[in-house]
Amino acid sequence: MRHHRVGLFAHLHAKLCYTLEKAEKALTEIEKDGISYLDTLSKPKLPRWATTGPKTTDAYLCQLASAHGLQLATFDSRIKDFAAFLI
């Protein structure tokens, strides 16, 4: 399993309480739609608000999206970053 899939599995389980089977099905459907994974950033520059593990992850994902000219779609209204898009 690729590193990115492992991260998505962990997120789906932790945030949405997906079972392994449900997460696998969701990711398979995403990949069928032609969704691809982004490369990682070599040296992220974390903002001051990235003070905990979850906030560090949020900040990194915002920077990753921004580096590729994208936004991070999120349900988390606590992410205060220009690259975060509340859905």
C-alpha atoms as a PDB file:
ATOM      1  CA  MET A   1       0.000   0.000   0.000  1.00  0.00           C
ATOM      2  CA  ARG A   2       1.405   3.386  -0.938  1.00  0.00           C
ATOM      3  CA  HIS A   3       2.285   5.891   1.788  1.00  0.00           C
ATOM      4  CA  HIS A   4      -0.481   8.288   0.722  1.00  0.00           C
ATOM      5  CA  ARG A   5      -3.145   5.573   0.894  1.00  0.00           C
ATOM      6  CA  VAL A   6      -2.018   4.703   4.415  1.00  0.00           C
ATOM      7  CA  GLY A   7      -2.436   8.347   5.423  1.00  0.00           C
ATOM      8  CA  LEU A   8      -5.897   8.498   3.882  1.00  0.00           C
ATOM      9  CA  PHE A   9      -6.915   5.270   5.613  1.00  0.00           C
ATOM     10  CA  ALA A  10      -5.754   6.684   8.951  1.00  0.00           C
ATOM     11  CA  HIS A  11      -7.670   9.917   8.360  1.00  0.00           C
ATOM     12  CA  LEU A  12     -10.871   8.171   7.277  1.00  0.00           C
ATOM     13  CA  HIS A  13     -10.735   5.953  10.326  1.00  0.00           C
ATOM     14  CA  ALA A  14      -9.813   8.632  12.861  1.00  0.00           C
ATOM     15  CA  LYS A  15     -12.052  11.445  11.629  1.00  0.00           C
ATOM     16  CA  LEU A  16     -14.984   9.615  10.066  1.00  0.00           C
ATOM     17  CA  CYS A  17     -14.859   6.308  11.989  1.00  0.00           C
ATOM     18  CA  TYR A  18     -14.631   4.326   8.739  1.00  0.00           C
ATOM     19  CA  THR A  19     -13.902   0.628   9.043  1.00  0.00           C
ATOM     20  CA  LEU A  20     -11.007  -0.709   6.988  1.00  0.00           C
ATOM     21  CA  GLU A  21     -13.492  -2.189   4.506  1.00  0.00           C
ATOM     22  CA  LYS A  22     -15.447   1.064   4.143  1.00  0.00           C
ATOM     23  CA  ALA A  23     -12.243   3.112   3.755  1.00  0.00           C
ATOM     24  CA  GLU A  24     -10.923   0.726   1.080  1.00  0.00           C
ATOM     25  CA  LYS A  25     -14.192   1.033  -0.842  1.00  0.00           C
ATOM     26  CA  ALA A  26     -14.177   4.843  -0.584  1.00  0.00           C
ATOM     27  CA  LEU A  27     -10.569   5.089  -1.794  1.00  0.00           C
ATOM     28  CA  THR A  28     -11.228   2.684  -4.662  1.00  0.00           C
ATOM     29  CA  GLU A  29     -14.132   4.881  -5.780  1.00  0.00           C
ATOM     30  CA  ILE A  30     -11.994   8.014  -5.523  1.00  0.00           C
ATOM     31  CA  GLU A  31      -9.286   6.436  -7.666  1.00  0.00           C
ATOM     32  CA  LYS A  32     -11.867   5.335 -10.279  1.00  0.00           C
ATOM     33  CA  ASP A  33     -12.766   9.000 -10.726  1.00  0.00           C
ATOM     34  CA  GLY A  34      -9.189   9.714 -11.804  1.00  0.00           C
ATOM     35  CA  ILE A  35      -8.166  11.390  -8.564  1.00  0.00           C
ATOM     36  CA  SER A  36      -4.431  11.248  -8.031  1.00  0.00           C
ATOM     37  CA  TYR A  37      -2.112  11.873  -5.131  1.00  0.00           C
ATOM     38  CA  LEU A  38       0.154  14.905  -4.752  1.00  0.00           C
ATOM     39  CA  ASP A  39       3.878  14.668  -4.173  1.00  0.00           C
ATOM     40  CA  THR A  40       5.116  15.560  -0.729  1.00  0.00           C
ATOM     41  CA  LEU A  41       6.849  18.787   0.234  1.00  0.00           C
ATOM     42  CA  SER A  42      10.509  18.455   1.059  1.00  0.00           C
ATOM     43  CA  LYS A  43      10.645  21.133   3.784  1.00  0.00           C
ATOM     44  CA  PRO A  44       7.314  22.533   4.922  1.00  0.00           C
ATOM     45  CA  LYS A  45       7.308  25.903   6.657  1.00  0.00           C
ATOM     46  CA  LEU A  46       4.783  25.469   9.414  1.00  0.00           C
ATOM     47  CA  PRO A  47       2.796  28.489  10.619  1.00  0.00           C
ATOM     48  CA  ARG A  48       2.664  29.568  14.263  1.00  0.00           C
ATOM     49  CA  TRP A  49      -0.776  27.993  14.714  1.00  0.00           C
ATOM     50  CA  ALA A  50       0.620  24.491  14.054  1.00  0.00           C
ATOM     51  CA  THR A  51       1.162  23.742  17.743  1.00  0.00           C
ATOM     52  CA  THR A  52      -0.227  20.189  18.003  1.00  0.00           C
ATOM     53  CA  GLY A  53       0.000  17.025  15.939  1.00  0.00           C
ATOM     54  CA  PRO A  54      -3.400  17.490  14.253  1.00  0.00           C
ATOM     55  CA  LYS A  55      -2.732  21.196  13.578  1.00  0.00           C
ATOM     56  CA  THR A  56       0.672  20.331  12.113  1.00  0.00           C
ATOM     57  CA  THR A  57      -1.014  17.867   9.761  1.00  0.00           C
ATOM     58  CA  ASP A  58      -3.607  20.477   8.777  1.00  0.00           C
ATOM     59  CA  ALA A  59      -0.893  23.073   8.140  1.00  0.00           C
ATOM     60  CA  TYR A  60       1.135  20.625   6.053  1.00  0.00           C
ATOM     61  CA  LEU A  61      -1.884  19.646   3.958  1.00  0.00           C
ATOM     62  CA  CYS A  62      -2.728  23.319   3.375  1.00  0.00           C
ATOM     63  CA  GLN A  63       0.825  23.992   2.232  1.00  0.00           C
ATOM     64  CA  LEU A  64       0.833  20.909   0.022  1.00  0.00           C
ATOM     65  CA  ALA A  65      -2.402  21.992  -1.658  1.00  0.00           C
ATOM     66  CA  SER A  66      -1.173  25.558  -2.073  1.00  0.00           C
ATOM     67  CA  ALA A  67       2.141  24.410  -3.577  1.00  0.00           C
ATOM     68  CA  HIS A  68       0.131  22.696  -6.321  1.00  0.00           C
ATOM     69  CA  GLY A  69      -2.227  25.637  -6.900  1.00  0.00           C
ATOM     70  CA  LEU A  70      -5.068  23.880  -5.066  1.00  0.00           C
ATOM     71  CA  GLN A  71      -7.076  24.267  -1.869  1.00  0.00           C
ATOM     72  CA  LEU A  72      -7.626  21.800   0.948  1.00  0.00           C
ATOM     73  CA  ALA A  73     -11.308  20.864   1.082  1.00  0.00           C
ATOM     74  CA  THR A  74     -12.223  20.311   4.727  1.00  0.00           C
ATOM     75  CA  PHE A  75     -15.133  19.992   7.120  1.00  0.00           C
ATOM     76  CA  ASP A  76     -13.006  21.532   9.888  1.00  0.00           C
ATOM     77  CA  SER A  77     -13.989  25.169  10.420  1.00  0.00           C
ATOM     78  CA  ARG A  78     -11.107  25.588  12.893  1.00  0.00           C
ATOM     79  CA  ILE A  79      -8.492  25.591  10.106  1.00  0.00           C
ATOM     80  CA  LYS A  80      -7.691  29.257   9.554  1.00  0.00           C
ATOM     81  CA  ASP A  81      -5.533  29.120   6.454  1.00  0.00           C
ATOM     82  CA  PHE A  82      -6.070  30.750   3.071  1.00  0.00           C
ATOM     83  CA  ALA A  83      -5.567  27.360   1.396  1.00  0.00           C
ATOM     84  CA  ALA A  84      -8.374  25.706   3.396  1.00  0.00           C
ATOM     85  CA  PHE A  85     -11.813  25.593   1.788  1.00  0.00           C
ATOM     86  CA  LEU A  86     -14.700  24.777   4.120  1.00  0.00           C
ATOM     87  CA  ILE A  87     -17.208  22.366   2.550  1.00  0.00           C
END
